[in-house]
């Protein structure tokens, strides 16, 4: 089985950091999720950047629906693979 990577899209850094913390608390994610700033195309203002939380799911035990629900609590969503 190949490694699975999930990308959660959040509106700001604070939300991304909260979600990253929740991943280990709720789902027992051992590996630290990666936070990535994603500037929106054509936007110069740093305030208009989304943040991505990249989660490795090598054993396939994370439920995408649950990840999407978690991101939704912070006005974000799970990016479709």
PDB file of N, CA and C in Angstrom:
ATOM      1  N   UNK A   1       0.845  -1.189   0.000  1.00  0.00           N
ATOM      2  CA  UNK A   1       0.000   0.000   0.000  1.00  0.00           C
ATOM      3  C   UNK A   1       0.884   1.243   0.000  1.00  0.00           C
ATOM      4  N   UNK A   2       0.584   2.170  -0.862  1.00  0.00           N
ATOM      5  CA  UNK A   2       1.401   3.382  -0.952  1.00  0.00           C
ATOM      6  C   UNK A   2       1.034   4.357   0.166  1.00  0.00           C
ATOM      7  N   UNK A   3       1.975   5.227   0.464  1.00  0.00           N
ATOM      8  CA  UNK A   3       1.719   6.236   1.478  1.00  0.00           C
ATOM      9  C   UNK A   3       0.600   7.154   1.015  1.00  0.00           C
ATOM     10  N   UNK A   4      -0.202   7.576   1.975  1.00  0.00           N
ATOM     11  CA  UNK A   4      -1.283   8.505   1.680  1.00  0.00           C
ATOM     12  C   UNK A   4      -0.969   9.796   2.408  1.00  0.00           C
ATOM     13  N   UNK A   5      -1.172  10.895   1.717  1.00  0.00           N
ATOM     14  CA  UNK A   5      -0.931  12.211   2.296  1.00  0.00           C
ATOM     15  C   UNK A   5      -2.226  13.003   2.192  1.00  0.00           C
ATOM     16  N   UNK A   6      -2.624  13.612   3.294  1.00  0.00           N
ATOM     17  CA  UNK A   6      -3.823  14.455   3.306  1.00  0.00           C
ATOM     18  C   UNK A   6      -3.385  15.908   3.445  1.00  0.00           C
ATOM     19  N   UNK A   7      -4.086  16.793   2.757  1.00  0.00           N
ATOM     20  CA  UNK A   7      -3.803  18.219   2.842  1.00  0.00           C
ATOM     21  C   UNK A   7      -5.061  18.930   3.327  1.00  0.00           C
ATOM     22  N   UNK A   8      -4.955  19.562   4.490  1.00  0.00           N
ATOM     23  CA  UNK A   8      -6.056  20.351   5.032  1.00  0.00           C
ATOM     24  C   UNK A   8      -5.753  21.812   4.752  1.00  0.00           C
ATOM     25  N   UNK A   9      -6.732  22.538   4.257  1.00  0.00           N
ATOM     26  CA  UNK A   9      -6.569  23.944   3.902  1.00  0.00           C
ATOM     27  C   UNK A   9      -7.245  24.789   4.977  1.00  0.00           C
ATOM     28  N   UNK A  10      -6.476  25.697   5.578  1.00  0.00           N
ATOM     29  CA  UNK A  10      -6.983  26.535   6.660  1.00  0.00           C
ATOM     30  C   UNK A  10      -6.842  28.010   6.306  1.00  0.00           C
ATOM     31  N   UNK A  11      -7.684  28.856   6.923  1.00  0.00           N
ATOM     32  CA  UNK A  11      -7.686  30.266   6.541  1.00  0.00           C
ATOM     33  C   UNK A  11      -6.488  31.071   7.034  1.00  0.00           C
ATOM     34  N   UNK A  12      -5.822  30.638   8.097  1.00  0.00           N
ATOM     35  CA  UNK A  12      -4.685  31.404   8.611  1.00  0.00           C
ATOM     36  C   UNK A  12      -3.755  30.506   9.424  1.00  0.00           C
ATOM     37  N   UNK A  13      -2.630  31.078   9.811  1.00  0.00           N
ATOM     38  CA  UNK A  13      -1.619  30.289  10.519  1.00  0.00           C
ATOM     39  C   UNK A  13      -2.115  29.788  11.868  1.00  0.00           C
ATOM     40  N   UNK A  14      -2.835  30.637  12.583  1.00  0.00           N
ATOM     41  CA  UNK A  14      -3.328  30.226  13.897  1.00  0.00           C
ATOM     42  C   UNK A  14      -4.215  28.990  13.783  1.00  0.00           C
ATOM     43  N   UNK A  15      -5.111  28.992  12.806  1.00  0.00           N
ATOM     44  CA  UNK A  15      -6.002  27.838  12.601  1.00  0.00           C
ATOM     45  C   UNK A  15      -5.182  26.608  12.233  1.00  0.00           C
ATOM     46  N   UNK A  16      -4.176  26.792  11.383  1.00  0.00           N
ATOM     47  CA  UNK A  16      -3.341  25.668  10.960  1.00  0.00           C
ATOM     48  C   UNK A  16      -2.603  25.071  12.159  1.00  0.00           C
ATOM     49  N   UNK A  17      -2.077  25.931  13.042  1.00  0.00           N
ATOM     50  CA  UNK A  17      -1.363  25.436  14.220  1.00  0.00           C
ATOM     51  C   UNK A  17      -2.308  24.704  15.168  1.00  0.00           C
ATOM     52  N   UNK A  18      -3.535  25.222  15.321  1.00  0.00           N
ATOM     53  CA  UNK A  18      -4.533  24.560  16.172  1.00  0.00           C
ATOM     54  C   UNK A  18      -4.867  23.174  15.628  1.00  0.00           C
ATOM     55  N   UNK A  19      -5.092  23.103  14.323  1.00  0.00           N
ATOM     56  CA  UNK A  19      -5.436  21.828  13.692  1.00  0.00           C
ATOM     57  C   UNK A  19      -4.286  20.835  13.825  1.00  0.00           C
ATOM     58  N   UNK A  20      -3.059  21.308  13.635  1.00  0.00           N
ATOM     59  CA  UNK A  20      -1.899  20.430  13.771  1.00  0.00           C
ATOM     60  C   UNK A  20      -1.851  19.832  15.177  1.00  0.00           C
ATOM     61  N   UNK A  21      -2.153  20.645  16.184  1.00  0.00           N
ATOM     62  CA  UNK A  21      -2.184  20.145  17.554  1.00  0.00           C
ATOM     63  C   UNK A  21      -3.311  19.149  17.774  1.00  0.00           C
ATOM     64  N   UNK A  22      -4.471  19.443  17.200  1.00  0.00           N
ATOM     65  CA  UNK A  22      -5.630  18.560  17.338  1.00  0.00           C
ATOM     66  C   UNK A  22      -5.373  17.196  16.684  1.00  0.00           C
ATOM     67  N   UNK A  23      -4.595  17.180  15.615  1.00  0.00           N
ATOM     68  CA  UNK A  23      -4.324  15.913  14.926  1.00  0.00           C
ATOM     69  C   UNK A  23      -3.668  14.903  15.855  1.00  0.00           C
ATOM     70  N   UNK A  24      -2.719  15.367  16.662  1.00  0.00           N
ATOM     71  CA  UNK A  24      -2.082  14.420  17.575  1.00  0.00           C
ATOM     72  C   UNK A  24      -3.003  14.110  18.751  1.00  0.00           C
ATOM     73  N   UNK A  25      -3.741  15.107  19.228  1.00  0.00           N
ATOM     74  CA  UNK A  25      -4.633  14.878  20.370  1.00  0.00           C
ATOM     75  C   UNK A  25      -5.783  13.941  20.014  1.00  0.00           C
ATOM     76  N   UNK A  26      -6.447  14.203  18.900  1.00  0.00           N
ATOM     77  CA  UNK A  26      -7.639  13.436  18.529  1.00  0.00           C
ATOM     78  C   UNK A  26      -7.343  12.130  17.819  1.00  0.00           C
ATOM     79  N   UNK A  27      -6.342  12.159  16.949  1.00  0.00           N
ATOM     80  CA  UNK A  27      -6.115  11.016  16.062  1.00  0.00           C
ATOM     81  C   UNK A  27      -4.820  10.271  16.368  1.00  0.00           C
ATOM     82  N   UNK A  28      -4.041  10.783  17.320  1.00  0.00           N
ATOM     83  CA  UNK A  28      -2.801  10.112  17.678  1.00  0.00           C
ATOM     84  C   UNK A  28      -1.758  10.146  16.574  1.00  0.00           C
ATOM     85  N   UNK A  29      -1.776  11.207  15.765  1.00  0.00           N
ATOM     86  CA  UNK A  29      -0.790  11.331  14.694  1.00  0.00           C
ATOM     87  C   UNK A  29       0.581  11.518  15.337  1.00  0.00           C
ATOM     88  N   UNK A  30       1.473  10.581  15.067  1.00  0.00           N
ATOM     89  CA  UNK A  30       2.787  10.595  15.711  1.00  0.00           C
ATOM     90  C   UNK A  30       3.737  11.577  15.024  1.00  0.00           C
ATOM     91  N   UNK A  31       3.703  11.590  13.705  1.00  0.00           N
ATOM     92  CA  UNK A  31       4.616  12.459  12.960  1.00  0.00           C
ATOM     93  C   UNK A  31       4.058  13.878  12.914  1.00  0.00           C
ATOM     94  N   UNK A  32       4.905  14.839  13.214  1.00  0.00           N
ATOM     95  CA  UNK A  32       4.485  16.242  13.226  1.00  0.00           C
ATOM     96  C   UNK A  32       3.958  16.637  11.845  1.00  0.00           C
ATOM     97  N   UNK A  33       2.708  17.147  11.779  1.00  0.00           N
ATOM     98  CA  UNK A  33       2.200  17.611  10.482  1.00  0.00           C
ATOM     99  C   UNK A  33       3.028  18.791   9.970  1.00  0.00           C
ATOM    100  N   UNK A  34       3.111  18.915   8.680  1.00  0.00           N
ATOM    101  CA  UNK A  34       3.879  19.995   8.058  1.00  0.00           C
ATOM    102  C   UNK A  34       2.939  21.165   7.795  1.00  0.00           C
ATOM    103  N   UNK A  35       3.342  22.373   8.208  1.00  0.00           N
ATOM    104  CA  UNK A  35       2.564  23.588   7.931  1.00  0.00           C
ATOM    105  C   UNK A  35       3.209  24.312   6.753  1.00  0.00           C
ATOM    106  N   UNK A  36       2.385  24.672   5.774  1.00  0.00           N
ATOM    107  CA  UNK A  36       2.893  25.318   4.574  1.00  0.00           C
ATOM    108  C   UNK A  36       2.035  26.535   4.274  1.00  0.00           C
ATOM    109  N   UNK A  37       2.694  27.693   4.092  1.00  0.00           N
ATOM    110  CA  UNK A  37       1.967  28.903   3.703  1.00  0.00           C
ATOM    111  C   UNK A  37       1.695  28.830   2.215  1.00  0.00           C
ATOM    112  N   UNK A  38       0.448  29.067   1.847  1.00  0.00           N
ATOM    113  CA  UNK A  38       0.033  28.976   0.450  1.00  0.00           C
ATOM    114  C   UNK A  38      -0.552  30.315   0.027  1.00  0.00           C
ATOM    115  N   UNK A  39       0.288  31.191  -0.549  1.00  0.00           N
ATOM    116  CA  UNK A  39      -0.199  32.492  -0.996  1.00  0.00           C
ATOM    117  C   UNK A  39      -1.171  32.293  -2.150  1.00  0.00           C
ATOM    118  N   UNK A  40      -2.272  32.989  -2.081  1.00  0.00           N
ATOM    119  CA  UNK A  40      -3.262  32.884  -3.153  1.00  0.00           C
ATOM    120  C   UNK A  40      -2.719  33.546  -4.410  1.00  0.00           C
ATOM    121  N   UNK A  41      -2.979  32.947  -5.531  1.00  0.00           N
ATOM    122  CA  UNK A  41      -2.466  33.452  -6.809  1.00  0.00           C
ATOM    123  C   UNK A  41      -2.859  34.906  -7.009  1.00  0.00           C
ATOM    124  N   UNK A  42      -1.876  35.731  -7.335  1.00  0.00           N
ATOM    125  CA  UNK A  42      -2.141  37.136  -7.625  1.00  0.00           C
ATOM    126  C   UNK A  42      -2.269  38.015  -6.403  1.00  0.00           C
ATOM    127  N   UNK A  43      -2.130  37.451  -5.230  1.00  0.00           N
ATOM    128  CA  UNK A  43      -2.270  38.239  -4.002  1.00  0.00           C
ATOM    129  C   UNK A  43      -0.891  38.617  -3.467  1.00  0.00           C
ATOM    130  N   UNK A  44      -0.676  39.906  -3.244  1.00  0.00           N
ATOM    131  CA  UNK A  44       0.590  40.368  -2.683  1.00  0.00           C
ATOM    132  C   UNK A  44       0.521  40.471  -1.164  1.00  0.00           C
ATOM    133  N   UNK A  45      -0.690  40.630  -0.641  1.00  0.00           N
ATOM    134  CA  UNK A  45      -0.886  40.842   0.780  1.00  0.00           C
ATOM    135  C   UNK A  45      -0.719  39.520   1.539  1.00  0.00           C
ATOM    136  N   UNK A  46       0.207  39.491   2.476  1.00  0.00           N
ATOM    137  CA  UNK A  46       0.462  38.267   3.233  1.00  0.00           C
ATOM    138  C   UNK A  46      -0.771  37.821   4.016  1.00  0.00           C
ATOM    139  N   UNK A  47      -1.669  38.745   4.322  1.00  0.00           N
ATOM    140  CA  UNK A  47      -2.871  38.390   5.067  1.00  0.00           C
ATOM    141  C   UNK A  47      -3.805  37.503   4.245  1.00  0.00           C
ATOM    142  N   UNK A  48      -3.633  37.500   2.942  1.00  0.00           N
ATOM    143  CA  UNK A  48      -4.503  36.713   2.075  1.00  0.00           C
ATOM    144  C   UNK A  48      -3.921  35.338   1.760  1.00  0.00           C
ATOM    145  N   UNK A  49      -3.086  34.843   2.651  1.00  0.00           N
ATOM    146  CA  UNK A  49      -2.501  33.515   2.439  1.00  0.00           C
ATOM    147  C   UNK A  49      -3.313  32.475   3.189  1.00  0.00           C
ATOM    148  N   UNK A  50      -3.488  31.339   2.546  1.00  0.00           N
ATOM    149  CA  UNK A  50      -4.059  30.188   3.240  1.00  0.00           C
ATOM    150  C   UNK A  50      -2.898  29.393   3.803  1.00  0.00           C
ATOM    151  N   UNK A  51      -3.179  28.543   4.760  1.00  0.00           N
ATOM    152  CA  UNK A  51      -2.163  27.664   5.320  1.00  0.00           C
ATOM    153  C   UNK A  51      -2.585  26.234   5.099  1.00  0.00           C
ATOM    154  N   UNK A  52      -1.633  25.419   4.732  1.00  0.00           N
ATOM    155  CA  UNK A  52      -1.890  24.004   4.497  1.00  0.00           C
ATOM    156  C   UNK A  52      -1.278  23.194   5.625  1.00  0.00           C
ATOM    157  N   UNK A  53      -2.011  22.190   6.077  1.00  0.00           N
ATOM    158  CA  UNK A  53      -1.489  21.232   7.048  1.00  0.00           C
ATOM    159  C   UNK A  53      -1.388  19.912   6.304  1.00  0.00           C
ATOM    160  N   UNK A  54      -0.159  19.434   6.134  1.00  0.00           N
ATOM    161  CA  UNK A  54       0.085  18.207   5.385  1.00  0.00           C
ATOM    162  C   UNK A  54       0.297  17.076   6.389  1.00  0.00           C
ATOM    163  N   UNK A  55      -0.548  16.049   6.290  1.00  0.00           N
ATOM    164  CA  UNK A  55      -0.525  14.937   7.233  1.00  0.00           C
ATOM    165  C   UNK A  55      -0.215  13.651   6.487  1.00  0.00           C
ATOM    166  N   UNK A  56       0.797  12.946   6.942  1.00  0.00           N
ATOM    167  CA  UNK A  56       1.109  11.634   6.363  1.00  0.00           C
ATOM    168  C   UNK A  56       0.181  10.598   6.994  1.00  0.00           C
ATOM    169  N   UNK A  57      -0.305   9.685   6.177  1.00  0.00           N
ATOM    170  CA  UNK A  57      -1.222   8.645   6.644  1.00  0.00           C
ATOM    171  C   UNK A  57      -0.796   7.307   6.048  1.00  0.00           C
ATOM    172  N   UNK A  58       0.430   6.846   6.395  1.00  0.00           N
ATOM    173  CA  UNK A  58       0.990   5.664   5.731  1.00  0.00           C
ATOM    174  C   UNK A  58       0.185   4.383   5.948  1.00  0.00           C
ATOM    175  N   UNK A  59      -0.465   4.260   7.097  1.00  0.00           N
ATOM    176  CA  UNK A  59      -1.200   3.017   7.344  1.00  0.00           C
ATOM    177  C   UNK A  59      -2.683   3.133   7.020  1.00  0.00           C
ATOM    178  N   UNK A  60      -3.092   4.289   6.506  1.00  0.00           N
ATOM    179  CA  UNK A  60      -4.473   4.467   6.069  1.00  0.00           C
ATOM    180  C   UNK A  60      -5.499   4.474   7.184  1.00  0.00           C
ATOM    181  N   UNK A  61      -5.073   4.774   8.414  1.00  0.00           N
ATOM    182  CA  UNK A  61      -6.028   4.710   9.514  1.00  0.00           C
ATOM    183  C   UNK A  61      -6.783   6.019   9.750  1.00  0.00           C
ATOM    184  N   UNK A  62      -6.342   7.102   9.135  1.00  0.00           N
ATOM    185  CA  UNK A  62      -7.058   8.376   9.289  1.00  0.00           C
ATOM    186  C   UNK A  62      -8.246   8.414   8.330  1.00  0.00           C
ATOM    187  N   UNK A  63      -9.395   8.780   8.856  1.00  0.00           N
ATOM    188  CA  UNK A  63     -10.616   8.845   8.065  1.00  0.00           C
ATOM    189  C   UNK A  63     -10.726  10.230   7.426  1.00  0.00           C
ATOM    190  N   UNK A  64     -10.726  10.304   6.091  1.00  0.00           N
ATOM    191  CA  UNK A  64     -10.830  11.607   5.436  1.00  0.00           C
ATOM    192  C   UNK A  64     -12.052  12.420   5.879  1.00  0.00           C
ATOM    193  N   UNK A  65     -13.168  11.754   6.157  1.00  0.00           N
ATOM    194  CA  UNK A  65     -14.369  12.484   6.607  1.00  0.00           C
ATOM    195  C   UNK A  65     -14.124  13.158   7.944  1.00  0.00           C
ATOM    196  N   UNK A  66     -13.408  12.470   8.834  1.00  0.00           N
ATOM    197  CA  UNK A  66     -13.102  13.052  10.137  1.00  0.00           C
ATOM    198  C   UNK A  66     -12.112  14.206  10.003  1.00  0.00           C
ATOM    199  N   UNK A  67     -11.143  14.060   9.104  1.00  0.00           N
ATOM    200  CA  UNK A  67     -10.190  15.146   8.872  1.00  0.00           C
ATOM    201  C   UNK A  67     -10.899  16.373   8.305  1.00  0.00           C
ATOM    202  N   UNK A  68     -11.832  16.152   7.383  1.00  0.00           N
ATOM    203  CA  UNK A  68     -12.589  17.254   6.798  1.00  0.00           C
ATOM    204  C   UNK A  68     -13.430  17.947   7.868  1.00  0.00           C
ATOM    205  N   UNK A  69     -14.032  17.156   8.755  1.00  0.00           N
ATOM    206  CA  UNK A  69     -14.839  17.725   9.840  1.00  0.00           C
ATOM    207  C   UNK A  69     -13.967  18.571  10.773  1.00  0.00           C
ATOM    208  N   UNK A  70     -12.764  18.071  11.083  1.00  0.00           N
ATOM    209  CA  UNK A  70     -11.839  18.831  11.930  1.00  0.00           C
ATOM    210  C   UNK A  70     -11.479  20.156  11.266  1.00  0.00           C
ATOM    211  N   UNK A  71     -11.100  20.105  10.000  1.00  0.00           N
ATOM    212  CA  UNK A  71     -10.755  21.340   9.284  1.00  0.00           C
ATOM    213  C   UNK A  71     -11.955  22.293   9.256  1.00  0.00           C
ATOM    214  N   UNK A  72     -13.157  21.730   9.087  1.00  0.00           N
ATOM    215  CA  UNK A  72     -14.372  22.544   9.046  1.00  0.00           C
ATOM    216  C   UNK A  72     -14.612  23.313  10.334  1.00  0.00           C
ATOM    217  N   UNK A  73     -14.175  22.761  11.450  1.00  0.00           N
ATOM    218  CA  UNK A  73     -14.319  23.459  12.733  1.00  0.00           C
ATOM    219  C   UNK A  73     -13.506  24.756  12.745  1.00  0.00           C
ATOM    220  N   UNK A  74     -12.506  24.843  11.878  1.00  0.00           N
ATOM    221  CA  UNK A  74     -11.636  26.020  11.807  1.00  0.00           C
ATOM    222  C   UNK A  74     -11.817  26.758  10.483  1.00  0.00           C
ATOM    223  N   UNK A  75     -12.992  26.597   9.873  1.00  0.00           N
ATOM    224  CA  UNK A  75     -13.339  27.259   8.610  1.00  0.00           C
ATOM    225  C   UNK A  75     -12.423  26.833   7.468  1.00  0.00           C
ATOM    226  N   UNK A  76     -11.989  25.589   7.518  1.00  0.00           N
ATOM    227  CA  UNK A  76     -11.147  25.045   6.454  1.00  0.00           C
ATOM    228  C   UNK A  76     -11.795  23.819   5.842  1.00  0.00           C
ATOM    229  N   UNK A  77     -11.009  23.075   5.079  1.00  0.00           N
ATOM    230  CA  UNK A  77     -11.509  21.870   4.437  1.00  0.00           C
ATOM    231  C   UNK A  77     -10.353  20.943   4.106  1.00  0.00           C
ATOM    232  N   UNK A  78     -10.720  19.684   3.800  1.00  0.00           N
ATOM    233  CA  UNK A  78      -9.749  18.698   3.354  1.00  0.00           C
ATOM    234  C   UNK A  78      -9.685  18.764   1.834  1.00  0.00           C
ATOM    235  N   UNK A  79      -8.495  18.990   1.315  1.00  0.00           N
ATOM    236  CA  UNK A  79      -8.302  19.062  -0.144  1.00  0.00           C
ATOM    237  C   UNK A  79      -8.541  17.669  -0.742  1.00  0.00           C
ATOM    238  N   UNK A  80      -9.266  17.622  -1.826  1.00  0.00           N
ATOM    239  CA  UNK A  80      -9.501  16.335  -2.502  1.00  0.00           C
ATOM    240  C   UNK A  80      -8.186  15.824  -3.068  1.00  0.00           C
ATOM    241  N   UNK A  81      -7.921  14.503  -2.955  1.00  0.00           N
ATOM    242  CA  UNK A  81      -6.653  13.965  -3.441  1.00  0.00           C
ATOM    243  C   UNK A  81      -6.522  14.064  -4.951  1.00  0.00           C
TER     244      UNK A  81
END
